[in-house]
Amino acid sequence: MKLKIALFGIAKEIVGSSSLDLDTPATQSVAGLMGQLRTQYPALSELSSLAIAVNSEYAADEYQLQERDEVALIPPVSGG
């Protein structure tokens, strides 16, 4: 299936784009997607945490993705 992934912060810098079109297996979990992304972009593995939102809600690792899901990678944020 094809997924469009929105990228923010350092994840956007690592990938070099604010969005990514990715072909994934028909049955893909959030954890599987993260594994695929970390293989393609090893620097993502260096982040202390990386949240995944699917359809504007944080998603657990076991969540099964569907075609047309809106996926976002949200890196850790610091502020003061």
Protein backbone atom coordinates (compact mmCIF):
# COMPACT_ATOMS: atom_id res chain seq x y z
CA MET A 1 0.00 0.00 0.00
CA LYS A 2 1.07 3.60 -0.41
CA LEU A 3 1.34 5.89 2.58
CA LYS A 4 1.96 9.61 2.72
CA ILE A 5 3.94 10.56 5.80
CA ALA A 6 4.24 14.09 7.18
CA LEU A 7 7.58 14.86 8.84
CA PHE A 8 8.35 17.50 11.44
CA GLY A 9 11.40 18.93 13.19
CA ILE A 10 14.57 16.84 13.10
CA ALA A 11 12.76 14.00 11.29
CA LYS A 12 12.11 16.41 8.42
CA GLU A 13 15.80 17.38 8.39
CA ILE A 14 16.95 13.74 8.40
CA VAL A 15 14.72 12.76 5.49
CA GLY A 16 15.28 16.04 3.65
CA SER A 17 11.60 16.71 2.98
CA SER A 18 8.43 17.67 4.84
CA SER A 19 6.58 14.66 3.41
CA LEU A 20 7.39 11.20 2.17
CA ASP A 21 5.49 8.82 -0.11
CA LEU A 22 6.26 5.26 0.90
CA ASP A 23 5.29 1.83 -0.43
CA THR A 24 4.65 -0.61 2.42
CA PRO A 25 3.30 -4.17 2.69
CA ALA A 26 -0.48 -4.48 2.61
CA THR A 27 -0.51 -5.38 6.31
CA GLN A 28 1.81 -2.95 8.06
CA SER A 29 1.84 -1.98 11.71
CA VAL A 30 3.21 1.25 13.13
CA ALA A 31 6.19 -0.74 14.47
CA GLY A 32 6.78 -2.25 11.02
CA LEU A 33 6.64 1.19 9.43
CA MET A 34 9.17 2.52 11.93
CA GLY A 35 11.48 -0.40 11.18
CA GLN A 36 11.22 0.32 7.47
CA LEU A 37 11.90 4.02 7.99
CA ARG A 38 14.89 3.36 10.28
CA THR A 39 16.35 1.04 7.63
CA GLN A 40 15.96 3.68 4.92
CA TYR A 41 17.02 6.58 7.18
CA PRO A 42 19.41 5.19 9.86
CA ALA A 43 19.73 8.59 11.57
CA LEU A 44 16.11 8.21 12.75
CA SER A 45 17.37 5.45 15.08
CA GLU A 46 19.51 8.01 16.89
CA LEU A 47 16.48 10.01 18.09
CA SER A 48 15.67 9.48 21.77
CA SER A 49 11.97 9.15 20.93
CA LEU A 50 9.72 9.51 17.94
CA ALA A 51 5.94 9.56 18.19
CA ILE A 52 3.69 8.41 15.39
CA ALA A 53 0.28 9.94 14.82
CA VAL A 54 -2.27 8.28 12.55
CA ASN A 55 -5.29 10.31 11.51
CA SER A 56 -4.41 13.03 14.04
CA GLU A 57 -4.15 10.66 17.04
CA TYR A 58 -1.08 9.08 18.61
CA ALA A 59 -0.84 5.44 17.55
CA ALA A 60 0.54 2.41 19.42
CA ASP A 61 3.15 0.14 17.82
CA GLU A 62 0.61 -2.60 17.11
CA TYR A 63 -1.83 -0.29 15.26
CA GLN A 64 -2.47 -1.69 11.76
CA LEU A 65 -2.13 0.96 9.09
CA GLN A 66 -4.64 1.30 6.27
CA GLU A 67 -4.21 2.85 2.85
CA ARG A 68 -5.12 6.55 2.98
CA ASP A 69 -4.23 6.87 6.68
CA GLU A 70 -2.64 10.22 7.45
CA VAL A 71 0.65 9.41 9.18
CA ALA A 72 2.91 11.92 10.92
CA LEU A 73 6.34 11.46 12.54
CA ILE A 74 6.64 13.71 15.56
CA PRO A 75 10.13 14.02 17.09
CA PRO A 76 10.83 15.09 20.65
CA VAL A 77 10.27 18.78 21.26
CA SER A 78 12.16 21.01 23.63
CA GLY A 79 11.17 24.40 24.84
CA GLY A 80 11.59 26.83 27.58
